[in-house]
Amino acid sequence: MFQKPSMIRRMAKRQPGRGGRPSKGPRDLMVTRLPADVAEQVRDLAVDRDWSYSETLAALVAIGLEHLADLPITPAEQEELPLTKAS
């Protein structure tokens, strides 16, 4: 049955700046494609830690930035694709 408007309770208004999760500070969105086996490892790690994928990747990048000397000097070389048709 329908209730009369006078019987409907007002919803509590949310106070600005109250409730919800606390801010983690300014963030910047970056997107990449991971090899399937690496993505699976990230997902497993996130589940084990009960973190989001984003939090897990952010932590891994932060650790990686502390070890820049371990990165290859040049990006991995990409092989030239064979041309099968002339344009």
PDB file of N, CA and C in Angstrom:
ATOM      1  N   MET A   1       0.831  -1.189   0.000  1.00  0.00           N
ATOM      2  CA  MET A   1       0.000   0.000   0.000  1.00  0.00           C
ATOM      3  C   MET A   1       0.874   1.251   0.000  1.00  0.00           C
ATOM      4  N   PHE A   2       0.339   2.290  -0.556  1.00  0.00           N
ATOM      5  CA  PHE A   2       1.040   3.566  -0.570  1.00  0.00           C
ATOM      6  C   PHE A   2       0.862   4.267   0.764  1.00  0.00           C
ATOM      7  N   GLN A   3       1.901   4.981   1.161  1.00  0.00           N
ATOM      8  CA  GLN A   3       1.819   5.743   2.396  1.00  0.00           C
ATOM      9  C   GLN A   3       1.509   7.188   2.064  1.00  0.00           C
ATOM     10  N   LYS A   4       0.863   7.831   2.964  1.00  0.00           N
ATOM     11  CA  LYS A   4       0.589   9.249   2.784  1.00  0.00           C
ATOM     12  C   LYS A   4       1.897  10.014   2.931  1.00  0.00           C
ATOM     13  N   PRO A   5       2.062  11.091   2.163  1.00  0.00           N
ATOM     14  CA  PRO A   5       3.305  11.864   2.243  1.00  0.00           C
ATOM     15  C   PRO A   5       3.675  12.275   3.660  1.00  0.00           C
ATOM     16  N   SER A   6       2.685  12.546   4.494  1.00  0.00           N
ATOM     17  CA  SER A   6       3.000  12.980   5.861  1.00  0.00           C
ATOM     18  C   SER A   6       3.596  11.845   6.684  1.00  0.00           C
ATOM     19  N   MET A   7       3.403  10.607   6.230  1.00  0.00           N
ATOM     20  CA  MET A   7       3.902   9.467   6.990  1.00  0.00           C
ATOM     21  C   MET A   7       5.296   9.037   6.518  1.00  0.00           C
ATOM     22  N   ILE A   8       5.717   9.535   5.369  1.00  0.00           N
ATOM     23  CA  ILE A   8       7.023   9.153   4.848  1.00  0.00           C
ATOM     24  C   ILE A   8       8.095   9.922   5.603  1.00  0.00           C
ATOM     25  N   ARG A   9       9.078   9.202   6.103  1.00  0.00           N
ATOM     26  CA  ARG A   9      10.153   9.852   6.844  1.00  0.00           C
ATOM     27  C   ARG A   9      11.138  10.446   5.858  1.00  0.00           C
ATOM     28  N   ARG A  10      11.682  11.550   6.231  1.00  0.00           N
ATOM     29  CA  ARG A  10      12.705  12.186   5.411  1.00  0.00           C
ATOM     30  C   ARG A  10      14.004  11.417   5.553  1.00  0.00           C
ATOM     31  N   MET A  11      14.716  11.300   4.437  1.00  0.00           N
ATOM     32  CA  MET A  11      16.019  10.651   4.478  1.00  0.00           C
ATOM     33  C   MET A  11      17.017  11.601   5.133  1.00  0.00           C
ATOM     34  N   ALA A  12      17.911  11.029   5.881  1.00  0.00           N
ATOM     35  CA  ALA A  12      18.948  11.843   6.518  1.00  0.00           C
ATOM     36  C   ALA A  12      19.837  12.442   5.441  1.00  0.00           C
ATOM     37  N   LYS A  13      20.134  13.709   5.563  1.00  0.00           N
ATOM     38  CA  LYS A  13      21.025  14.366   4.607  1.00  0.00           C
ATOM     39  C   LYS A  13      22.462  14.124   5.021  1.00  0.00           C
ATOM     40  N   ARG A  14      23.270  13.860   4.031  1.00  0.00           N
ATOM     41  CA  ARG A  14      24.689  13.630   4.289  1.00  0.00           C
ATOM     42  C   ARG A  14      25.380  14.960   4.500  1.00  0.00           C
ATOM     43  N   GLN A  15      26.143  15.026   5.556  1.00  0.00           N
ATOM     44  CA  GLN A  15      26.894  16.235   5.863  1.00  0.00           C
ATOM     45  C   GLN A  15      28.118  16.304   4.962  1.00  0.00           C
ATOM     46  N   PRO A  16      28.399  17.448   4.337  1.00  0.00           N
ATOM     47  CA  PRO A  16      29.594  17.555   3.496  1.00  0.00           C
ATOM     48  C   PRO A  16      30.852  17.271   4.301  1.00  0.00           C
ATOM     49  N   GLY A  17      31.748  16.507   3.698  1.00  0.00           N
ATOM     50  CA  GLY A  17      33.015  16.222   4.345  1.00  0.00           C
ATOM     51  C   GLY A  17      32.927  15.189   5.448  1.00  0.00           C
ATOM     52  N   ARG A  18      31.806  14.506   5.556  1.00  0.00           N
ATOM     53  CA  ARG A  18      31.654  13.493   6.604  1.00  0.00           C
ATOM     54  C   ARG A  18      31.210  12.192   5.954  1.00  0.00           C
ATOM     55  N   GLY A  19      31.687  11.107   6.479  1.00  0.00           N
ATOM     56  CA  GLY A  19      31.291   9.809   5.959  1.00  0.00           C
ATOM     57  C   GLY A  19      32.121   9.423   4.754  1.00  0.00           C
ATOM     58  N   GLY A  20      31.981   8.206   4.315  1.00  0.00           N
ATOM     59  CA  GLY A  20      32.762   7.737   3.189  1.00  0.00           C
ATOM     60  C   GLY A  20      34.192   7.447   3.617  1.00  0.00           C
ATOM     61  N   ARG A  21      34.970   6.974   2.679  1.00  0.00           N
ATOM     62  CA  ARG A  21      36.354   6.657   3.022  1.00  0.00           C
ATOM     63  C   ARG A  21      37.220   7.904   2.955  1.00  0.00           C
ATOM     64  N   PRO A  22      38.267   7.938   3.744  1.00  0.00           N
ATOM     65  CA  PRO A  22      39.139   9.115   3.727  1.00  0.00           C
ATOM     66  C   PRO A  22      39.906   9.224   2.408  1.00  0.00           C
ATOM     67  N   SER A  23      40.205  10.426   2.019  1.00  0.00           N
ATOM     68  CA  SER A  23      40.937  10.671   0.783  1.00  0.00           C
ATOM     69  C   SER A  23      42.359  10.148   0.892  1.00  0.00           C
ATOM     70  N   LYS A  24      42.876   9.628  -0.216  1.00  0.00           N
ATOM     71  CA  LYS A  24      44.270   9.191  -0.264  1.00  0.00           C
ATOM     72  C   LYS A  24      45.131  10.263  -0.904  1.00  0.00           C
ATOM     73  N   GLY A  25      44.577  11.449  -1.068  1.00  0.00           N
ATOM     74  CA  GLY A  25      45.326  12.547  -1.661  1.00  0.00           C
ATOM     75  C   GLY A  25      45.153  12.580  -3.167  1.00  0.00           C
ATOM     76  N   PRO A  26      45.784  13.541  -3.816  1.00  0.00           N
ATOM     77  CA  PRO A  26      45.649  13.677  -5.262  1.00  0.00           C
ATOM     78  C   PRO A  26      46.143  12.425  -5.986  1.00  0.00           C
ATOM     79  N   ARG A  27      45.423  12.031  -6.988  1.00  0.00           N
ATOM     80  CA  ARG A  27      45.773  10.834  -7.761  1.00  0.00           C
ATOM     81  C   ARG A  27      45.798  11.174  -9.239  1.00  0.00           C
ATOM     82  N   ASP A  28      46.531  10.387 -10.019  1.00  0.00           N
ATOM     83  CA  ASP A  28      46.623  10.557 -11.456  1.00  0.00           C
ATOM     84  C   ASP A  28      46.348   9.208 -12.100  1.00  0.00           C
ATOM     85  N   LEU A  29      45.433   9.158 -13.049  1.00  0.00           N
ATOM     86  CA  LEU A  29      45.087   7.915 -13.726  1.00  0.00           C
ATOM     87  C   LEU A  29      46.109   7.602 -14.802  1.00  0.00           C
ATOM     88  N   MET A  30      46.664   6.389 -14.754  1.00  0.00           N
ATOM     89  CA  MET A  30      47.596   5.912 -15.772  1.00  0.00           C
ATOM     90  C   MET A  30      47.129   4.509 -16.155  1.00  0.00           C
ATOM     91  N   VAL A  31      47.179   4.210 -17.435  1.00  0.00           N
ATOM     92  CA  VAL A  31      46.673   2.930 -17.914  1.00  0.00           C
ATOM     93  C   VAL A  31      47.771   2.201 -18.674  1.00  0.00           C
ATOM     94  N   THR A  32      47.860   0.900 -18.468  1.00  0.00           N
ATOM     95  CA  THR A  32      48.821   0.081 -19.197  1.00  0.00           C
ATOM     96  C   THR A  32      48.219  -1.293 -19.430  1.00  0.00           C
ATOM     97  N   ARG A  33      48.799  -2.026 -20.340  1.00  0.00           N
ATOM     98  CA  ARG A  33      48.393  -3.406 -20.586  1.00  0.00           C
ATOM     99  C   ARG A  33      49.523  -4.305 -20.103  1.00  0.00           C
ATOM    100  N   LEU A  34      49.170  -5.233 -19.238  1.00  0.00           N
ATOM    101  CA  LEU A  34      50.163  -6.149 -18.686  1.00  0.00           C
ATOM    102  C   LEU A  34      50.087  -7.490 -19.405  1.00  0.00           C
ATOM    103  N   PRO A  35      51.211  -8.184 -19.521  1.00  0.00           N
ATOM    104  CA  PRO A  35      51.141  -9.551 -20.024  1.00  0.00           C
ATOM    105  C   PRO A  35      50.219 -10.370 -19.109  1.00  0.00           C
ATOM    106  N   ALA A  36      49.521 -11.331 -19.682  1.00  0.00           N
ATOM    107  CA  ALA A  36      48.508 -12.092 -18.933  1.00  0.00           C
ATOM    108  C   ALA A  36      49.074 -12.740 -17.667  1.00  0.00           C
ATOM    109  N   ASP A  37      50.280 -13.281 -17.745  1.00  0.00           N
ATOM    110  CA  ASP A  37      50.853 -13.945 -16.562  1.00  0.00           C
ATOM    111  C   ASP A  37      51.183 -12.940 -15.458  1.00  0.00           C
ATOM    112  N   VAL A  38      51.623 -11.755 -15.840  1.00  0.00           N
ATOM    113  CA  VAL A  38      51.920 -10.703 -14.850  1.00  0.00           C
ATOM    114  C   VAL A  38      50.614 -10.196 -14.227  1.00  0.00           C
ATOM    115  N   ALA A  39      49.595  -9.996 -15.056  1.00  0.00           N
ATOM    116  CA  ALA A  39      48.298  -9.536 -14.558  1.00  0.00           C
ATOM    117  C   ALA A  39      47.719 -10.530 -13.554  1.00  0.00           C
ATOM    118  N   GLU A  40      47.898 -11.809 -13.829  1.00  0.00           N
ATOM    119  CA  GLU A  40      47.413 -12.837 -12.910  1.00  0.00           C
ATOM    120  C   GLU A  40      48.138 -12.750 -11.569  1.00  0.00           C
ATOM    121  N   GLN A  41      49.440 -12.505 -11.609  1.00  0.00           N
ATOM    122  CA  GLN A  41      50.209 -12.359 -10.365  1.00  0.00           C
ATOM    123  C   GLN A  41      49.735 -11.142  -9.575  1.00  0.00           C
ATOM    124  N   VAL A  42      49.434 -10.050 -10.276  1.00  0.00           N
ATOM    125  CA  VAL A  42      48.943  -8.837  -9.602  1.00  0.00           C
ATOM    126  C   VAL A  42      47.595  -9.123  -8.956  1.00  0.00           C
ATOM    127  N   ARG A  43      46.704  -9.780  -9.690  1.00  0.00           N
ATOM    128  CA  ARG A  43      45.386 -10.109  -9.125  1.00  0.00           C
ATOM    129  C   ARG A  43      45.524 -10.985  -7.888  1.00  0.00           C
ATOM    130  N   ASP A  44      46.378 -12.019  -7.977  1.00  0.00           N
ATOM    131  CA  ASP A  44      46.572 -12.914  -6.836  1.00  0.00           C
ATOM    132  C   ASP A  44      47.117 -12.159  -5.623  1.00  0.00           C
ATOM    133  N   LEU A  45      48.077 -11.283  -5.862  1.00  0.00           N
ATOM    134  CA  LEU A  45      48.649 -10.493  -4.777  1.00  0.00           C
ATOM    135  C   LEU A  45      47.597  -9.584  -4.151  1.00  0.00           C
ATOM    136  N   ALA A  46      46.777  -8.955  -4.990  1.00  0.00           N
ATOM    137  CA  ALA A  46      45.723  -8.067  -4.487  1.00  0.00           C
ATOM    138  C   ALA A  46      44.728  -8.844  -3.628  1.00  0.00           C
ATOM    139  N   VAL A  47      44.351 -10.033  -4.079  1.00  0.00           N
ATOM    140  CA  VAL A  47      43.411 -10.852  -3.305  1.00  0.00           C
ATOM    141  C   VAL A  47      44.041 -11.268  -1.981  1.00  0.00           C
ATOM    142  N   ASP A  48      45.309 -11.692  -2.022  1.00  0.00           N
ATOM    143  CA  ASP A  48      46.000 -12.111  -0.802  1.00  0.00           C
ATOM    144  C   ASP A  48      46.082 -10.985   0.223  1.00  0.00           C
ATOM    145  N   ARG A  49      46.280  -9.766  -0.259  1.00  0.00           N
ATOM    146  CA  ARG A  49      46.428  -8.612   0.640  1.00  0.00           C
ATOM    147  C   ARG A  49      45.098  -7.925   0.957  1.00  0.00           C
ATOM    148  N   ASP A  50      44.036  -8.339   0.263  1.00  0.00           N
ATOM    149  CA  ASP A  50      42.720  -7.693   0.382  1.00  0.00           C
ATOM    150  C   ASP A  50      42.811  -6.224  -0.026  1.00  0.00           C
ATOM    151  N   TRP A  51      43.552  -5.981  -1.130  1.00  0.00           N
ATOM    152  CA  TRP A  51      43.715  -4.645  -1.702  1.00  0.00           C
ATOM    153  C   TRP A  51      43.008  -4.620  -3.049  1.00  0.00           C
ATOM    154  N   SER A  52      42.737  -3.423  -3.537  1.00  0.00           N
ATOM    155  CA  SER A  52      42.233  -3.291  -4.904  1.00  0.00           C
ATOM    156  C   SER A  52      43.401  -3.494  -5.863  1.00  0.00           C
ATOM    157  N   TYR A  53      43.106  -3.775  -7.114  1.00  0.00           N
ATOM    158  CA  TYR A  53      44.172  -3.914  -8.112  1.00  0.00           C
ATOM    159  C   TYR A  53      44.949  -2.607  -8.217  1.00  0.00           C
ATOM    160  N   SER A  54      44.225  -1.492  -8.156  1.00  0.00           N
ATOM    161  CA  SER A  54      44.860  -0.182  -8.268  1.00  0.00           C
ATOM    162  C   SER A  54      45.843   0.057  -7.123  1.00  0.00           C
ATOM    163  N   GLU A  55      45.428  -0.257  -5.899  1.00  0.00           N
ATOM    164  CA  GLU A  55      46.324  -0.090  -4.748  1.00  0.00           C
ATOM    165  C   GLU A  55      47.556  -0.989  -4.879  1.00  0.00           C
ATOM    166  N   THR A  56      47.341  -2.197  -5.359  1.00  0.00           N
ATOM    167  CA  THR A  56      48.440  -3.146  -5.516  1.00  0.00           C
ATOM    168  C   THR A  56      49.432  -2.647  -6.551  1.00  0.00           C
ATOM    169  N   LEU A  57      48.930  -2.192  -7.701  1.00  0.00           N
ATOM    170  CA  LEU A  57      49.818  -1.678  -8.743  1.00  0.00           C
ATOM    171  C   LEU A  57      50.554  -0.429  -8.277  1.00  0.00           C
ATOM    172  N   ALA A  58      49.871   0.447  -7.553  1.00  0.00           N
ATOM    173  CA  ALA A  58      50.520   1.662  -7.050  1.00  0.00           C
ATOM    174  C   ALA A  58      51.670   1.310  -6.105  1.00  0.00           C
ATOM    175  N   ALA A  59      51.459   0.312  -5.238  1.00  0.00           N
ATOM    176  CA  ALA A  59      52.514  -0.102  -4.315  1.00  0.00           C
ATOM    177  C   ALA A  59      53.696  -0.712  -5.079  1.00  0.00           C
ATOM    178  N   LEU A  60      53.401  -1.528  -6.094  1.00  0.00           N
ATOM    179  CA  LEU A  60      54.466  -2.146  -6.877  1.00  0.00           C
ATOM    180  C   LEU A  60      55.269  -1.104  -7.660  1.00  0.00           C
ATOM    181  N   VAL A  61      54.591  -0.106  -8.202  1.00  0.00           N
ATOM    182  CA  VAL A  61      55.287   0.961  -8.933  1.00  0.00           C
ATOM    183  C   VAL A  61      56.170   1.752  -7.966  1.00  0.00           C
ATOM    184  N   ALA A  62      55.652   2.061  -6.779  1.00  0.00           N
ATOM    185  CA  ALA A  62      56.445   2.808  -5.789  1.00  0.00           C
ATOM    186  C   ALA A  62      57.710   2.031  -5.424  1.00  0.00           C
ATOM    187  N   ILE A  63      57.593   0.722  -5.245  1.00  0.00           N
ATOM    188  CA  ILE A  63      58.769  -0.101  -4.941  1.00  0.00           C
ATOM    189  C   ILE A  63      59.726  -0.099  -6.133  1.00  0.00           C
ATOM    190  N   GLY A  64      59.155  -0.227  -7.336  1.00  0.00           N
ATOM    191  CA  GLY A  64      59.982  -0.227  -8.543  1.00  0.00           C
ATOM    192  C   GLY A  64      60.760   1.066  -8.717  1.00  0.00           C
ATOM    193  N   LEU A  65      60.168   2.198  -8.362  1.00  0.00           N
ATOM    194  CA  LEU A  65      60.853   3.487  -8.491  1.00  0.00           C
ATOM    195  C   LEU A  65      62.048   3.599  -7.549  1.00  0.00           C
ATOM    196  N   GLU A  66      62.043   2.804  -6.495  1.00  0.00           N
ATOM    197  CA  GLU A  66      63.187   2.788  -5.575  1.00  0.00           C
ATOM    198  C   GLU A  66      64.331   1.934  -6.121  1.00  0.00           C
ATOM    199  N   HIS A  67      64.083   1.213  -7.216  1.00  0.00           N
ATOM    200  CA  HIS A  67      65.076   0.306  -7.792  1.00  0.00           C
ATOM    201  C   HIS A  67      65.294   0.600  -9.275  1.00  0.00           C
ATOM    202  N   LEU A  68      65.419   1.864  -9.616  1.00  0.00           N
ATOM    203  CA  LEU A  68      65.583   2.256 -11.022  1.00  0.00           C
ATOM    204  C   LEU A  68      66.851   1.685 -11.644  1.00  0.00           C
ATOM    205  N   ALA A  69      67.877   1.468 -10.852  1.00  0.00           N
ATOM    206  CA  ALA A  69      69.133   0.926 -11.384  1.00  0.00           C
ATOM    207  C   ALA A  69      68.950  -0.488 -11.928  1.00  0.00           C
ATOM    208  N   ASP A  70      67.913  -1.181 -11.486  1.00  0.00           N
ATOM    209  CA  ASP A  70      67.665  -2.551 -11.938  1.00  0.00           C
ATOM    210  C   ASP A  70      66.909  -2.604 -13.269  1.00  0.00           C
ATOM    211  N   LEU A  71      66.420  -1.463 -13.744  1.00  0.00           N
ATOM    212  CA  LEU A  71      65.669  -1.440 -15.008  1.00  0.00           C
ATOM    213  C   LEU A  71      66.624  -1.498 -16.193  1.00  0.00           C
ATOM    214  N   PRO A  72      66.190  -2.116 -17.287  1.00  0.00           N
ATOM    215  CA  PRO A  72      67.032  -2.108 -18.489  1.00  0.00           C
ATOM    216  C   PRO A  72      67.249  -0.675 -18.967  1.00  0.00           C
ATOM    217  N   ILE A  73      68.410  -0.421 -19.557  1.00  0.00           N
ATOM    218  CA  ILE A  73      68.727   0.930 -20.030  1.00  0.00           C
ATOM    219  C   ILE A  73      67.826   1.330 -21.191  1.00  0.00           C
ATOM    220  N   THR A  74      67.583   0.403 -22.100  1.00  0.00           N
ATOM    221  CA  THR A  74      66.702   0.692 -23.239  1.00  0.00           C
ATOM    222  C   THR A  74      65.486  -0.210 -23.160  1.00  0.00           C
ATOM    223  N   PRO A  75      64.356   0.245 -23.711  1.00  0.00           N
ATOM    224  CA  PRO A  75      63.174  -0.609 -23.710  1.00  0.00           C
ATOM    225  C   PRO A  75      63.434  -1.878 -24.528  1.00  0.00           C
ATOM    226  N   ALA A  76      62.699  -2.910 -24.247  1.00  0.00           N
ATOM    227  CA  ALA A  76      62.840  -4.159 -24.991  1.00  0.00           C
ATOM    228  C   ALA A  76      62.615  -3.881 -26.471  1.00  0.00           C
ATOM    229  N   GLU A  77      63.484  -4.446 -27.304  1.00  0.00           N
ATOM    230  CA  GLU A  77      63.360  -4.204 -28.744  1.00  0.00           C
ATOM    231  C   GLU A  77      62.186  -4.973 -29.308  1.00  0.00           C
ATOM    232  N   GLN A  78      61.518  -4.343 -30.257  1.00  0.00           N
ATOM    233  CA  GLN A  78      60.355  -4.945 -30.882  1.00  0.00           C
ATOM    234  C   GLN A  78      60.745  -5.381 -32.289  1.00  0.00           C
ATOM    235  N   GLU A  79      60.403  -6.607 -32.641  1.00  0.00           N
ATOM    236  CA  GLU A  79      60.726  -7.096 -33.974  1.00  0.00           C
ATOM    237  C   GLU A  79      59.836  -6.433 -35.007  1.00  0.00           C
ATOM    238  N   GLU A  80      60.390  -6.290 -36.216  1.00  0.00           N
ATOM    239  CA  GLU A  80      59.630  -5.703 -37.311  1.00  0.00           C
ATOM    240  C   GLU A  80      58.571  -6.717 -37.771  1.00  0.00           C
ATOM    241  N   LEU A  81      57.350  -6.218 -37.987  1.00  0.00           N
ATOM    242  CA  LEU A  81      56.286  -7.083 -38.463  1.00  0.00           C
ATOM    243  C   LEU A  81      56.470  -7.367 -39.941  1.00  0.00           C
ATOM    244  N   PRO A  82      56.238  -8.610 -40.386  1.00  0.00           N
ATOM    245  CA  PRO A  82      56.383  -8.908 -41.811  1.00  0.00           C
ATOM    246  C   PRO A  82      55.254  -8.268 -42.613  1.00  0.00           C
ATOM    247  N   LEU A  83      55.596  -7.759 -43.784  1.00  0.00           N
ATOM    248  CA  LEU A  83      54.591  -7.191 -44.675  1.00  0.00           C
ATOM    249  C   LEU A  83      54.144  -8.303 -45.632  1.00  0.00           C
ATOM    250  N   THR A  84      52.866  -8.606 -45.611  1.00  0.00           N
ATOM    251  CA  THR A  84      52.361  -9.681 -46.457  1.00  0.00           C
ATOM    252  C   THR A  84      51.670  -9.154 -47.708  1.00  0.00           C
ATOM    253  N   LYS A  85      51.285  -7.885 -47.672  1.00  0.00           N
ATOM    254  CA  LYS A  85      50.601  -7.287 -48.829  1.00  0.00           C
ATOM    255  C   LYS A  85      51.208  -5.924 -49.124  1.00  0.00           C
ATOM    256  N   ALA A  86      51.291  -5.610 -50.393  1.00  0.00           N
ATOM    257  CA  ALA A  86      51.745  -4.273 -50.782  1.00  0.00           C
ATOM    258  C   ALA A  86      50.550  -3.343 -50.780  1.00  0.00           C
ATOM    259  N   SER A  87      50.759  -2.108 -50.393  1.00  0.00           N
ATOM    260  CA  SER A  87      49.624  -1.181 -50.357  1.00  0.00           C
ATOM    261  C   SER A  87      49.433  -0.476 -51.666  1.00  0.00           C
TER     262      SER A  87
END
